[in-house]
PDB file of all heavy atoms in Angstrom:
ATOM      1  N   LYS A   1       9.050-164.785 -48.144  1.00  0.00           N
ATOM      2  CA  LYS A   1       7.839-164.429 -47.394  1.00  0.00           C
ATOM      3  C   LYS A   1       6.622-164.365 -48.315  1.00  0.00           C
ATOM      4  O   LYS A   1       5.568-164.906 -47.996  1.00  0.00           O
ATOM      5  CB  LYS A   1       8.015-163.063 -46.700  1.00  0.00           C
ATOM      6  CG  LYS A   1       8.961-163.073 -45.537  1.00  0.00           C
ATOM      7  CD  LYS A   1       8.362-163.691 -44.304  1.00  0.00           C
ATOM      8  CE  LYS A   1       7.464-162.704 -43.584  1.00  0.00           C
ATOM      9  NZ  LYS A   1       7.007-163.213 -42.298  1.00  0.00           N
ATOM     10  N   ARG A   2       6.783-163.715 -49.457  1.00  0.00           N
ATOM     11  CA  ARG A   2       5.658-163.508 -50.372  1.00  0.00           C
ATOM     12  C   ARG A   2       5.115-164.838 -50.900  1.00  0.00           C
ATOM     13  O   ARG A   2       3.912-165.041 -50.967  1.00  0.00           O
ATOM     14  CB  ARG A   2       6.094-162.604 -51.525  1.00  0.00           C
ATOM     15  CG  ARG A   2       4.950-162.008 -52.301  1.00  0.00           C
ATOM     16  CD  ARG A   2       5.408-160.935 -53.284  1.00  0.00           C
ATOM     17  NE  ARG A   2       6.246-161.495 -54.333  1.00  0.00           N
ATOM     18  CZ  ARG A   2       7.530-161.189 -54.521  1.00  0.00           C
ATOM     19  NH1 ARG A   2       8.141-160.337 -53.733  1.00  0.00           N
ATOM     20  NH2 ARG A   2       8.209-161.734 -55.504  1.00  0.00           N
ATOM     21  N   LYS A   3       6.018-165.747 -51.241  1.00  0.00           N
ATOM     22  CA  LYS A   3       5.589-167.030 -51.826  1.00  0.00           C
ATOM     23  C   LYS A   3       5.490-168.145 -50.784  1.00  0.00           C
ATOM     24  O   LYS A   3       5.187-169.280 -51.133  1.00  0.00           O
ATOM     25  CB  LYS A   3       6.546-167.433 -52.945  1.00  0.00           C
ATOM     26  CG  LYS A   3       6.501-166.450 -54.095  1.00  0.00           C
ATOM     27  CD  LYS A   3       7.016-167.071 -55.360  1.00  0.00           C
ATOM     28  CE  LYS A   3       6.756-166.127 -56.520  1.00  0.00           C
ATOM     29  NZ  LYS A   3       6.745-166.821 -57.779  1.00  0.00           N
ATOM     30  N   ARG A   4       5.790-167.819 -49.527  1.00  0.00           N
ATOM     31  CA  ARG A   4       5.738-168.789 -48.426  1.00  0.00           C
ATOM     32  C   ARG A   4       6.525-170.057 -48.766  1.00  0.00           C
ATOM     33  O   ARG A   4       6.036-171.175 -48.616  1.00  0.00           O
ATOM     34  CB  ARG A   4       4.284-169.112 -48.049  1.00  0.00           C
ATOM     35  CG  ARG A   4       3.510-167.879 -47.613  1.00  0.00           C
ATOM     36  CD  ARG A   4       2.212-168.178 -46.934  1.00  0.00           C
ATOM     37  NE  ARG A   4       2.335-168.993 -45.733  1.00  0.00           N
ATOM     38  CZ  ARG A   4       2.699-168.550 -44.527  1.00  0.00           C
ATOM     39  NH1 ARG A   4       2.989-167.295 -44.355  1.00  0.00           N
ATOM     40  NH2 ARG A   4       2.764-169.374 -43.505  1.00  0.00           N
ATOM     41  N   LEU A   5       7.747-169.873 -49.225  1.00  0.00           N
ATOM     42  CA  LEU A   5       8.601-170.987 -49.630  1.00  0.00           C
ATOM     43  C   LEU A   5       9.108-171.757 -48.418  1.00  0.00           C
ATOM     44  O   LEU A   5       9.366-171.165 -47.373  1.00  0.00           O
ATOM     45  CB  LEU A   5       9.799-170.455 -50.432  1.00  0.00           C
ATOM     46  CG  LEU A   5       9.448-169.680 -51.705  1.00  0.00           C
ATOM     47  CD1 LEU A   5      10.714-169.110 -52.336  1.00  0.00           C
ATOM     48  CD2 LEU A   5       8.714-170.556 -52.692  1.00  0.00           C
ATOM     49  N   ASP A   6       9.265-173.072 -48.577  1.00  0.00           N
ATOM     50  CA  ASP A   6       9.878-173.869 -47.506  1.00  0.00           C
ATOM     51  C   ASP A   6      11.283-174.295 -47.888  1.00  0.00           C
ATOM     52  O   ASP A   6      12.041-174.786 -47.061  1.00  0.00           O
ATOM     53  CB  ASP A   6       9.015-175.060 -47.105  1.00  0.00           C
ATOM     54  CG  ASP A   6       8.785-176.035 -48.256  1.00  0.00           C
ATOM     55  OD1 ASP A   6       9.147-175.712 -49.410  1.00  0.00           O
ATOM     56  OD2 ASP A   6       8.233-177.118 -48.008  1.00  0.00           O
ATOM     57  N   LYS A   7      11.625-174.115 -49.165  1.00  0.00           N
ATOM     58  CA  LYS A   7      13.001-174.326 -49.609  1.00  0.00           C
ATOM     59  C   LYS A   7      13.228-173.461 -50.838  1.00  0.00           C
ATOM     60  O   LYS A   7      12.277-173.006 -51.476  1.00  0.00           O
ATOM     61  CB  LYS A   7      13.286-175.803 -49.889  1.00  0.00           C
ATOM     62  CG  LYS A   7      12.481-176.392 -50.992  1.00  0.00           C
ATOM     63  CD  LYS A   7      12.746-177.883 -51.099  1.00  0.00           C
ATOM     64  CE  LYS A   7      11.817-178.497 -52.137  1.00  0.00           C
ATOM     65  NZ  LYS A   7      11.840-179.936 -52.119  1.00  0.00           N
ATOM     66  N   ILE A   8      14.496-173.221 -51.131  1.00  0.00           N
ATOM     67  CA  ILE A   8      14.833-172.347 -52.250  1.00  0.00           C
ATOM     68  C   ILE A   8      16.131-172.837 -52.874  1.00  0.00           C
ATOM     69  O   ILE A   8      16.986-173.385 -52.180  1.00  0.00           O
ATOM     70  CB  ILE A   8      14.927-170.875 -51.777  1.00  0.00           C
ATOM     71  CG1 ILE A   8      14.969-169.935 -52.963  1.00  0.00           C
ATOM     72  CG2 ILE A   8      16.090-170.675 -50.815  1.00  0.00           C
ATOM     73  CD1 ILE A   8      14.634-168.499 -52.603  1.00  0.00           C
ATOM     74  N   ARG A   9      16.244-172.667 -54.187  1.00  0.00           N
ATOM     75  CA  ARG A   9      17.444-173.094 -54.910  1.00  0.00           C
ATOM     76  C   ARG A   9      18.051-171.899 -55.627  1.00  0.00           C
ATOM     77  O   ARG A   9      17.361-170.933 -55.936  1.00  0.00           O
ATOM     78  CB  ARG A   9      17.089-174.148 -55.963  1.00  0.00           C
ATOM     79  CG  ARG A   9      16.564-175.444 -55.420  1.00  0.00           C
ATOM     80  CD  ARG A   9      16.204-176.437 -56.527  1.00  0.00           C
ATOM     81  NE  ARG A   9      16.804-176.065 -57.790  1.00  0.00           N
ATOM     82  CZ  ARG A   9      16.124-175.802 -58.918  1.00  0.00           C
ATOM     83  NH1 ARG A   9      14.838-175.901 -58.949  1.00  0.00           N
ATOM     84  NH2 ARG A   9      16.739-175.460 -60.020  1.00  0.00           N
ATOM     85  N   VAL A  10      19.317-172.002 -55.943  1.00  0.00           N
ATOM     86  CA  VAL A  10      19.998-170.958 -56.720  1.00  0.00           C
ATOM     87  C   VAL A  10      19.231-170.734 -58.028  1.00  0.00           C
ATOM     88  O   VAL A  10      18.996-169.602 -58.440  1.00  0.00           O
ATOM     89  CB  VAL A  10      21.471-171.342 -56.984  1.00  0.00           C
ATOM     90  CG1 VAL A  10      22.097-170.404 -57.998  1.00  0.00           C
ATOM     91  CG2 VAL A  10      22.262-171.340 -55.684  1.00  0.00           C
ATOM     92  N   GLY A  11      18.803-171.823 -58.656  1.00  0.00           N
ATOM     93  CA  GLY A  11      18.072-171.717 -59.920  1.00  0.00           C
ATOM     94  C   GLY A  11      16.773-170.938 -59.803  1.00  0.00           C
ATOM     95  O   GLY A  11      16.336-170.298 -60.758  1.00  0.00           O
ATOM     96  N   ASP A  12      16.125-170.971 -58.623  1.00  0.00           N
ATOM     97  CA  ASP A  12      14.897-170.200 -58.427  1.00  0.00           C
ATOM     98  C   ASP A  12      15.186-168.707 -58.563  1.00  0.00           C
ATOM     99  O   ASP A  12      14.350-167.943 -59.046  1.00  0.00           O
ATOM    100  CB  ASP A  12      14.303-170.454 -57.028  1.00  0.00           C
ATOM    101  CG  ASP A  12      13.869-171.898 -56.828  1.00  0.00           C
ATOM    102  OD1 ASP A  12      13.558-172.584 -57.818  1.00  0.00           O
ATOM    103  OD2 ASP A  12      13.843-172.338 -55.655  1.00  0.00           O
ATOM    104  N   ILE A  13      16.368-168.303 -58.123  1.00  0.00           N
ATOM    105  CA  ILE A  13      16.725-166.882 -58.156  1.00  0.00           C
ATOM    106  C   ILE A  13      17.227-166.476 -59.535  1.00  0.00           C
ATOM    107  O   ILE A  13      16.868-165.408 -60.034  1.00  0.00           O
ATOM    108  CB  ILE A  13      17.792-166.571 -57.072  1.00  0.00           C
ATOM    109  CG1 ILE A  13      17.281-167.001 -55.690  1.00  0.00           C
ATOM    110  CG2 ILE A  13      18.156-165.091 -57.085  1.00  0.00           C
ATOM    111  CD1 ILE A  13      15.946-166.410 -55.277  1.00  0.00           C
ATOM    112  N   THR A  14      18.024-167.319 -60.190  1.00  0.00           N
ATOM    113  CA  THR A  14      18.514-166.941 -61.524  1.00  0.00           C
ATOM    114  C   THR A  14      17.343-166.764 -62.491  1.00  0.00           C
ATOM    115  O   THR A  14      17.395-165.903 -63.368  1.00  0.00           O
ATOM    116  CB  THR A  14      19.525-167.962 -62.090  1.00  0.00           C
ATOM    117  OG1 THR A  14      18.945-169.260 -62.104  1.00  0.00           O
ATOM    118  CG2 THR A  14      20.814-167.974 -61.290  1.00  0.00           C
ATOM    119  N   LYS A  15      16.254-167.516 -62.298  1.00  0.00           N
ATOM    120  CA  LYS A  15      15.079-167.368 -63.166  1.00  0.00           C
ATOM    121  C   LYS A  15      14.420-166.006 -63.027  1.00  0.00           C
ATOM    122  O   LYS A  15      13.733-165.556 -63.938  1.00  0.00           O
ATOM    123  CB  LYS A  15      14.030-168.437 -62.832  1.00  0.00           C
ATOM    124  CG  LYS A  15      14.337-169.790 -63.415  1.00  0.00           C
ATOM    125  CD  LYS A  15      13.159-170.719 -63.272  1.00  0.00           C
ATOM    126  CE  LYS A  15      13.028-171.206 -61.851  1.00  0.00           C
ATOM    127  NZ  LYS A  15      12.185-172.359 -61.652  1.00  0.00           N
ATOM    128  N   MET A  16      14.620-165.355 -61.880  1.00  0.00           N
ATOM    129  CA  MET A  16      13.999-164.052 -61.651  1.00  0.00           C
ATOM    130  C   MET A  16      14.669-162.956 -62.486  1.00  0.00           C
ATOM    131  O   MET A  16      14.105-161.895 -62.675  1.00  0.00           O
ATOM    132  CB  MET A  16      14.080-163.662 -60.162  1.00  0.00           C
ATOM    133  CG  MET A  16      13.511-164.688 -59.205  1.00  0.00           C
ATOM    134  SD  MET A  16      11.781-165.043 -59.450  1.00  0.00           S
ATOM    135  CE  MET A  16      11.035-163.668 -58.619  1.00  0.00           C
ATOM    136  N   ALA A  17      15.892-163.215 -62.941  1.00  0.00           N
ATOM    137  CA  ALA A  17      16.662-162.265 -63.751  1.00  0.00           C
ATOM    138  C   ALA A  17      16.818-160.911 -63.059  1.00  0.00           C
ATOM    139  O   ALA A  17      16.743-159.860 -63.684  1.00  0.00           O
ATOM    140  CB  ALA A  17      16.039-162.105 -65.145  1.00  0.00           C
ATOM    141  N   TRP A  18      17.040-160.940 -61.760  1.00  0.00           N
ATOM    142  CA  TRP A  18      17.290-159.707 -61.025  1.00  0.00           C
ATOM    143  C   TRP A  18      18.694-159.234 -61.348  1.00  0.00           C
ATOM    144  O   TRP A  18      19.631-160.029 -61.388  1.00  0.00           O
ATOM    145  CB  TRP A  18      17.148-159.931 -59.523  1.00  0.00           C
ATOM    146  CG  TRP A  18      15.730-160.125 -59.073  1.00  0.00           C
ATOM    147  CD1 TRP A  18      14.601-159.675 -59.685  1.00  0.00           C
ATOM    148  CD2 TRP A  18      15.289-160.812 -57.900  1.00  0.00           C
ATOM    149  NE1 TRP A  18      13.493-160.037 -58.972  1.00  0.00           N
ATOM    150  CE2 TRP A  18      13.885-160.730 -57.872  1.00  0.00           C
ATOM    151  CE3 TRP A  18      15.946-161.479 -56.884  1.00  0.00           C
ATOM    152  CZ2 TRP A  18      13.132-161.290 -56.855  1.00  0.00           C
ATOM    153  CZ3 TRP A  18      15.194-162.030 -55.873  1.00  0.00           C
ATOM    154  CH2 TRP A  18      13.799-161.935 -55.852  1.00  0.00           C
ATOM    155  N   GLN A  19      18.843-157.948 -61.548  1.00  0.00           N
ATOM    156  CA  GLN A  19      20.098-157.357 -61.996  1.00  0.00           C
ATOM    157  C   GLN A  19      21.323-157.886 -61.248  1.00  0.00           C
ATOM    158  O   GLN A  19      22.257-158.372 -61.851  1.00  0.00           O
ATOM    159  CB  GLN A  19      20.016-155.827 -61.862  1.00  0.00           C
ATOM    160  CG  GLN A  19      21.160-155.092 -62.512  1.00  0.00           C
ATOM    161  CD  GLN A  19      21.155-155.211 -64.030  1.00  0.00           C
ATOM    162  OE1 GLN A  19      20.114-155.119 -64.658  1.00  0.00           O
ATOM    163  NE2 GLN A  19      22.310-155.428 -64.615  1.00  0.00           N
ATOM    164  N   GLU A  20      21.306-157.793 -59.933  1.00  0.00           N
ATOM    165  CA  GLU A  20      22.504-158.154 -59.166  1.00  0.00           C
ATOM    166  C   GLU A  20      22.564-159.635 -58.796  1.00  0.00           C
ATOM    167  O   GLU A  20      23.509-160.076 -58.162  1.00  0.00           O
ATOM    168  CB  GLU A  20      22.612-157.279 -57.908  1.00  0.00           C
ATOM    169  CG  GLU A  20      21.599-157.583 -56.821  1.00  0.00           C
ATOM    170  CD  GLU A  20      20.236-156.918 -57.009  1.00  0.00           C
ATOM    171  OE1 GLU A  20      19.960-156.350 -58.079  1.00  0.00           O
ATOM    172  OE2 GLU A  20      19.433-156.971 -56.076  1.00  0.00           O
ATOM    173  N   LEU A  21      21.554-160.404 -59.181  1.00  0.00           N
ATOM    174  CA  LEU A  21      21.499-161.811 -58.770  1.00  0.00           C
ATOM    175  C   LEU A  21      21.304-162.729 -59.974  1.00  0.00           C
ATOM    176  O   LEU A  21      20.373-163.525 -60.019  1.00  0.00           O
ATOM    177  CB  LEU A  21      20.354-162.020 -57.763  1.00  0.00           C
ATOM    178  CG  LEU A  21      20.519-161.304 -56.428  1.00  0.00           C
ATOM    179  CD1 LEU A  21      19.249-161.389 -55.614  1.00  0.00           C
ATOM    180  CD2 LEU A  21      21.688-161.881 -55.646  1.00  0.00           C
ATOM    181  N   ARG A  22      22.194-162.616 -60.943  1.00  0.00           N
ATOM    182  CA  ARG A  22      22.080-163.448 -62.139  1.00  0.00           C
ATOM    183  C   ARG A  22      23.061-164.601 -62.139  1.00  0.00           C
ATOM    184  O   ARG A  22      22.942-165.509 -62.939  1.00  0.00           O
ATOM    185  CB  ARG A  22      22.315-162.597 -63.387  1.00  0.00           C
ATOM    186  CG  ARG A  22      21.169-161.662 -63.646  1.00  0.00           C
ATOM    187  CD  ARG A  22      21.313-161.014 -64.976  1.00  0.00           C
ATOM    188  NE  ARG A  22      20.146-160.171 -65.222  1.00  0.00           N
ATOM    189  CZ  ARG A  22      20.147-159.128 -66.005  1.00  0.00           C
ATOM    190  NH1 ARG A  22      21.243-158.789 -66.656  1.00  0.00           N
ATOM    191  NH2 ARG A  22      19.056-158.412 -66.172  1.00  0.00           N
ATOM    192  N   GLU A  23      24.057-164.546 -61.250  1.00  0.00           N
ATOM    193  CA  GLU A  23      25.084-165.582 -61.230  1.00  0.00           C
ATOM    194  C   GLU A  23      25.116-166.269 -59.874  1.00  0.00           C
ATOM    195  O   GLU A  23      24.713-165.707 -58.863  1.00  0.00           O
ATOM    196  CB  GLU A  23      26.444-164.975 -61.568  1.00  0.00           C
ATOM    197  CG  GLU A  23      26.479-164.449 -62.996  1.00  0.00           C
ATOM    198  CD  GLU A  23      27.761-163.723 -63.322  1.00  0.00           C
ATOM    199  OE1 GLU A  23      28.738-163.884 -62.575  1.00  0.00           O
ATOM    200  OE2 GLU A  23      27.773-162.994 -64.316  1.00  0.00           O
ATOM    201  N   ARG A  24      25.631-167.484 -59.871  1.00  0.00           N
ATOM    202  CA  ARG A  24      25.629-168.329 -58.686  1.00  0.00           C
ATOM    203  C   ARG A  24      26.332-167.697 -57.479  1.00  0.00           C
ATOM    204  O   ARG A  24      25.839-167.760 -56.363  1.00  0.00           O
ATOM    205  CB  ARG A  24      26.286-169.676 -59.055  1.00  0.00           C
ATOM    206  CG  ARG A  24      26.298-170.660 -57.956  1.00  0.00           C
ATOM    207  CD  ARG A  24      26.751-172.047 -58.448  1.00  0.00           C
ATOM    208  NE  ARG A  24      26.199-173.031 -57.563  1.00  0.00           N
ATOM    209  CZ  ARG A  24      25.033-173.627 -57.715  1.00  0.00           C
ATOM    210  NH1 ARG A  24      24.293-173.367 -58.764  1.00  0.00           N
ATOM    211  NH2 ARG A  24      24.589-174.487 -56.830  1.00  0.00           N
ATOM    212  N   LYS A  25      27.493-167.082 -57.710  1.00  0.00           N
ATOM    213  CA  LYS A  25      28.290-166.577 -56.583  1.00  0.00           C
ATOM    214  C   LYS A  25      27.553-165.534 -55.732  1.00  0.00           C
ATOM    215  O   LYS A  25      27.476-165.668 -54.515  1.00  0.00           O
ATOM    216  CB  LYS A  25      29.615-166.021 -57.118  1.00  0.00           C
ATOM    217  CG  LYS A  25      30.790-166.409 -56.266  1.00  0.00           C
ATOM    218  CD  LYS A  25      32.081-165.938 -56.943  1.00  0.00           C
ATOM    219  CE  LYS A  25      33.287-166.285 -56.159  1.00  0.00           C
ATOM    220  NZ  LYS A  25      33.734-167.650 -56.234  1.00  0.00           N
ATOM    221  N   PRO A  26      26.984-164.471 -56.343  1.00  0.00           N
ATOM    222  CA  PRO A  26      26.265-163.501 -55.504  1.00  0.00           C
ATOM    223  C   PRO A  26      25.002-164.080 -54.864  1.00  0.00           C
ATOM    224  O   PRO A  26      24.635-163.688 -53.755  1.00  0.00           O
ATOM    225  CB  PRO A  26      25.923-162.357 -56.461  1.00  0.00           C
ATOM    226  CG  PRO A  26      26.187-162.860 -57.832  1.00  0.00           C
ATOM    227  CD  PRO A  26      27.109-164.026 -57.727  1.00  0.00           C
ATOM    228  N   ILE A  27      24.360-165.023 -55.541  1.00  0.00           N
ATOM    229  CA  ILE A  27      23.171-165.653 -54.957  1.00  0.00           C
ATOM    230  C   ILE A  27      23.571-166.474 -53.734  1.00  0.00           C
ATOM    231  O   ILE A  27      22.938-166.385 -52.676  1.00  0.00           O
ATOM    232  CB  ILE A  27      22.451-166.530 -55.996  1.00  0.00           C
ATOM    233  CG1 ILE A  27      21.884-165.648 -57.116  1.00  0.00           C
ATOM    234  CG2 ILE A  27      21.344-167.354 -55.339  1.00  0.00           C
ATOM    235  CD1 ILE A  27      21.392-166.413 -58.331  1.00  0.00           C
ATOM    236  N   GLU A  28      24.654-167.243 -53.858  1.00  0.00           N
ATOM    237  CA  GLU A  28      25.106-168.025 -52.700  1.00  0.00           C
ATOM    238  C   GLU A  28      25.537-167.111 -51.562  1.00  0.00           C
ATOM    239  O   GLU A  28      25.299-167.423 -50.398  1.00  0.00           O
ATOM    240  CB  GLU A  28      26.227-168.980 -53.102  1.00  0.00           C
ATOM    241  CG  GLU A  28      25.694-170.162 -53.907  1.00  0.00           C
ATOM    242  CD  GLU A  28      26.764-171.155 -54.301  1.00  0.00           C
ATOM    243  OE1 GLU A  28      27.968-170.806 -54.318  1.00  0.00           O
ATOM    244  OE2 GLU A  28      26.392-172.306 -54.618  1.00  0.00           O
ATOM    245  N   ALA A  29      26.143-165.967 -51.878  1.00  0.00           N
ATOM    246  CA  ALA A  29      26.528-165.009 -50.827  1.00  0.00           C
ATOM    247  C   ALA A  29      25.281-164.503 -50.100  1.00  0.00           C
ATOM    248  O   ALA A  29      25.270-164.377 -48.872  1.00  0.00           O
ATOM    249  CB  ALA A  29      27.322-163.850 -51.427  1.00  0.00           C
ATOM    250  N   ALA A  30      24.221-164.222 -50.860  1.00  0.00           N
ATOM    251  CA  ALA A  30      22.968-163.765 -50.251  1.00  0.00           C
ATOM    252  C   ALA A  30      22.350-164.878 -49.404  1.00  0.00           C
ATOM    253  O   ALA A  30      21.865-164.625 -48.293  1.00  0.00           O
ATOM    254  CB  ALA A  30      21.996-163.301 -51.334  1.00  0.00           C
ATOM    255  N   PHE A  31      22.372-166.123 -49.907  1.00  0.00           N
ATOM    256  CA  PHE A  31      21.858-167.255 -49.133  1.00  0.00           C
ATOM    257  C   PHE A  31      22.649-167.402 -47.836  1.00  0.00           C
ATOM    258  O   PHE A  31      22.079-167.658 -46.779  1.00  0.00           O
ATOM    259  CB  PHE A  31      21.960-168.555 -49.933  1.00  0.00           C
ATOM    260  CG  PHE A  31      20.890-168.748 -50.990  1.00  0.00           C
ATOM    261  CD1 PHE A  31      19.953-167.774 -51.270  1.00  0.00           C
ATOM    262  CD2 PHE A  31      20.838-169.928 -51.703  1.00  0.00           C
ATOM    263  CE1 PHE A  31      18.973-167.966 -52.241  1.00  0.00           C
ATOM    264  CE2 PHE A  31      19.866-170.142 -52.673  1.00  0.00           C
ATOM    265  CZ  PHE A  31      18.937-169.159 -52.944  1.00  0.00           C
ATOM    266  N   GLU A  32      23.976-167.231 -47.910  1.00  0.00           N
ATOM    267  CA  GLU A  32      24.800-167.354 -46.706  1.00  0.00           C
ATOM    268  C   GLU A  32      24.477-166.244 -45.713  1.00  0.00           C
ATOM    269  O   GLU A  32      24.459-166.467 -44.497  1.00  0.00           O
ATOM    270  CB  GLU A  32      26.279-167.367 -47.075  1.00  0.00           C
ATOM    271  CG  GLU A  32      26.671-168.702 -47.697  1.00  0.00           C
ATOM    272  CD  GLU A  32      28.029-168.699 -48.393  1.00  0.00           C
ATOM    273  OE1 GLU A  32      28.773-167.698 -48.263  1.00  0.00           O
ATOM    274  OE2 GLU A  32      28.326-169.695 -49.084  1.00  0.00           O
ATOM    275  N   ALA A  33      24.191-165.035 -46.224  1.00  0.00           N
ATOM    276  CA  ALA A  33      23.790-163.935 -45.335  1.00  0.00           C
ATOM    277  C   ALA A  33      22.481-164.294 -44.630  1.00  0.00           C
ATOM    278  O   ALA A  33      22.322-164.037 -43.432  1.00  0.00           O
ATOM    279  CB  ALA A  33      23.645-162.635 -46.129  1.00  0.00           C
ATOM    280  N   LEU A  34      21.553-164.916 -45.361  1.00  0.00           N
ATOM    281  CA  LEU A  34      20.289-165.331 -44.743  1.00  0.00           C
ATOM    282  C   LEU A  34      20.498-166.498 -43.771  1.00  0.00           C
ATOM    283  O   LEU A  34      19.795-166.613 -42.774  1.00  0.00           O
ATOM    284  CB  LEU A  34      19.270-165.708 -45.825  1.00  0.00           C
ATOM    285  CG  LEU A  34      18.704-164.516 -46.598  1.00  0.00           C
ATOM    286  CD1 LEU A  34      17.931-164.974 -47.813  1.00  0.00           C
ATOM    287  CD2 LEU A  34      17.849-163.638 -45.705  1.00  0.00           C
ATOM    288  N   GLU A  35      21.483-167.329 -44.062  1.00  0.00           N
ATOM    289  CA  GLU A  35      21.814-168.420 -43.137  1.00  0.00           C
ATOM    290  C   GLU A  35      22.354-167.833 -41.828  1.00  0.00           C
ATOM    291  O   GLU A  35      22.021-168.307 -40.735  1.00  0.00           O
ATOM    292  CB  GLU A  35      22.845-169.337 -43.788  1.00  0.00           C
ATOM    293  CG  GLU A  35      23.108-170.603 -43.014  1.00  0.00           C
ATOM    294  CD  GLU A  35      24.088-171.538 -43.716  1.00  0.00           C
ATOM    295  OE1 GLU A  35      24.940-171.059 -44.498  1.00  0.00           O
ATOM    296  OE2 GLU A  35      24.013-172.735 -43.468  1.00  0.00           O
ATOM    297  N   ASP A  36      23.143-166.770 -41.931  1.00  0.00           N
ATOM    298  CA  ASP A  36      23.718-166.130 -40.743  1.00  0.00           C
ATOM    299  C   ASP A  36      22.645-165.586 -39.804  1.00  0.00           C
ATOM    300  O   ASP A  36      22.863-165.493 -38.603  1.00  0.00           O
ATOM    301  CB  ASP A  36      24.670-164.996 -41.132  1.00  0.00           C
ATOM    302  CG  ASP A  36      25.964-165.516 -41.754  1.00  0.00           C
ATOM    303  OD1 ASP A  36      26.254-166.726 -41.625  1.00  0.00           O
ATOM    304  OD2 ASP A  36      26.676-164.708 -42.375  1.00  0.00           O
ATOM    305  N   VAL A  37      21.492-165.181 -40.357  1.00  0.00           N
ATOM    306  CA  VAL A  37      20.419-164.643 -39.516  1.00  0.00           C
ATOM    307  C   VAL A  37      19.324-165.684 -39.277  1.00  0.00           C
ATOM    308  O   VAL A  37      18.216-165.354 -38.871  1.00  0.00           O
ATOM    309  CB  VAL A  37      19.830-163.328 -40.089  1.00  0.00           C
ATOM    310  CG1 VAL A  37      20.871-162.225 -40.062  1.00  0.00           C
ATOM    311  CG2 VAL A  37      19.281-163.536 -41.491  1.00  0.00           C
ATOM    312  N   ASP A  38      19.664-166.963 -39.538  1.00  0.00           N
ATOM    313  CA  ASP A  38      18.789-168.089 -39.213  1.00  0.00           C
ATOM    314  C   ASP A  38      17.521-168.147 -40.061  1.00  0.00           C
ATOM    315  O   ASP A  38      16.487-168.624 -39.609  1.00  0.00           O
ATOM    316  CB  ASP A  38      18.455-168.075 -37.716  1.00  0.00           C
ATOM    317  CG  ASP A  38      18.131-169.477 -37.202  1.00  0.00           C
ATOM    318  OD1 ASP A  38      18.602-170.458 -37.805  1.00  0.00           O
ATOM    319  OD2 ASP A  38      17.377-169.586 -36.215  1.00  0.00           O
ATOM    320  N   TRP A  39      17.585-167.634 -41.286  1.00  0.00           N
ATOM    321  CA  TRP A  39      16.450-167.761 -42.204  1.00  0.00           C
ATOM    322  C   TRP A  39      16.574-169.027 -43.038  1.00  0.00           C
ATOM    323  O   TRP A  39      15.585-169.651 -43.366  1.00  0.00           O
ATOM    324  CB  TRP A  39      16.398-166.553 -43.148  1.00  0.00           C
ATOM    325  CG  TRP A  39      15.566-165.430 -42.620  1.00  0.00           C
ATOM    326  CD1 TRP A  39      15.736-164.773 -41.441  1.00  0.00           C
ATOM    327  CD2 TRP A  39      14.448-164.817 -43.257  1.00  0.00           C
ATOM    328  NE1 TRP A  39      14.795-163.794 -41.310  1.00  0.00           N
ATOM    329  CE2 TRP A  39      13.990-163.797 -42.419  1.00  0.00           C
ATOM    330  CE3 TRP A  39      13.797-165.033 -44.477  1.00  0.00           C
ATOM    331  CZ2 TRP A  39      12.906-162.990 -42.742  1.00  0.00           C
ATOM    332  CZ3 TRP A  39      12.726-164.225 -44.796  1.00  0.00           C
ATOM    333  CH2 TRP A  39      12.279-163.217 -43.935  1.00  0.00           C
ATOM    334  N   LEU A  40      17.808-169.379 -43.406  1.00  0.00           N
ATOM    335  CA  LEU A  40      18.043-170.536 -44.265  1.00  0.00           C
ATOM    336  C   LEU A  40      19.003-171.506 -43.605  1.00  0.00           C
ATOM    337  O   LEU A  40      19.808-171.114 -42.763  1.00  0.00           O
ATOM    338  CB  LEU A  40      18.657-170.100 -45.609  1.00  0.00           C
ATOM    339  CG  LEU A  40      17.817-169.245 -46.529  1.00  0.00           C
ATOM    340  CD1 LEU A  40      18.592-168.929 -47.798  1.00  0.00           C
ATOM    341  CD2 LEU A  40      16.503-169.919 -46.877  1.00  0.00           C
ATOM    342  N   ARG A  41      18.914-172.761 -44.037  1.00  0.00           N
ATOM    343  CA  ARG A  41      19.864-173.770 -43.585  1.00  0.00           C
ATOM    344  C   ARG A  41      20.230-174.608 -44.805  1.00  0.00           C
ATOM    345  O   ARG A  41      19.350-175.114 -45.507  1.00  0.00           O
ATOM    346  CB  ARG A  41      19.229-174.641 -42.513  1.00  0.00           C
ATOM    347  CG  ARG A  41      20.171-175.694 -41.965  1.00  0.00           C
ATOM    348  CD  ARG A  41      19.586-176.357 -40.734  1.00  0.00           C
ATOM    349  NE  ARG A  41      18.260-176.900 -40.973  1.00  0.00           N
ATOM    350  CZ  ARG A  41      18.019-178.157 -41.317  1.00  0.00           C
ATOM    351  NH1 ARG A  41      19.011-179.014 -41.457  1.00  0.00           N
ATOM    352  NH2 ARG A  41      16.788-178.578 -41.507  1.00  0.00           N
ATOM    353  N   LYS A  42      21.518-174.719 -45.033  1.00  0.00           N
ATOM    354  CA  LYS A  42      21.970-175.528 -46.153  1.00  0.00           C
ATOM    355  C   LYS A  42      22.023-176.977 -45.705  1.00  0.00           C
ATOM    356  O   LYS A  42      22.695-177.301 -44.743  1.00  0.00           O
ATOM    357  CB  LYS A  42      23.346-175.073 -46.635  1.00  0.00           C
ATOM    358  CG  LYS A  42      23.756-175.790 -47.896  1.00  0.00           C
ATOM    359  CD  LYS A  42      24.957-175.155 -48.522  1.00  0.00           C
ATOM    360  CE  LYS A  42      25.162-175.801 -49.880  1.00  0.00           C
ATOM    361  NZ  LYS A  42      26.159-175.153 -50.659  1.00  0.00           N
ATOM    362  N   PRO A  43      21.278-177.855 -46.385  1.00  0.00           N
ATOM    363  CA  PRO A  43      21.325-179.259 -45.978  1.00  0.00           C
ATOM    364  C   PRO A  43      22.671-179.865 -46.311  1.00  0.00           C
ATOM    365  O   PRO A  43      23.375-179.377 -47.195  1.00  0.00           O
ATOM    366  CB  PRO A  43      20.214-179.903 -46.810  1.00  0.00           C
ATOM    367  CG  PRO A  43      20.010-179.003 -47.968  1.00  0.00           C
ATOM    368  CD  PRO A  43      20.426-177.621 -47.530  1.00  0.00           C
ATOM    369  N   ALA A  44      23.025-180.906 -45.594  1.00  0.00           N
ATOM    370  CA  ALA A  44      24.261-181.621 -45.912  1.00  0.00           C
ATOM    371  C   ALA A  44      24.150-182.077 -47.359  1.00  0.00           C
ATOM    372  O   ALA A  44      23.084-182.497 -47.799  1.00  0.00           O
ATOM    373  CB  ALA A  44      24.408-182.819 -44.987  1.00  0.00           C
TER     374      ALA A  44
END
């Protein structure tokens, strides 16, 4: 919301160096949670 992103990558989040989001697995879990509420869509 803050950056008005139209797409996002795992690497965008690892660069933030957030404590709980430094590795691919938890970031993908968070992306999947956002996909469940229709915020994100993983392209084929």
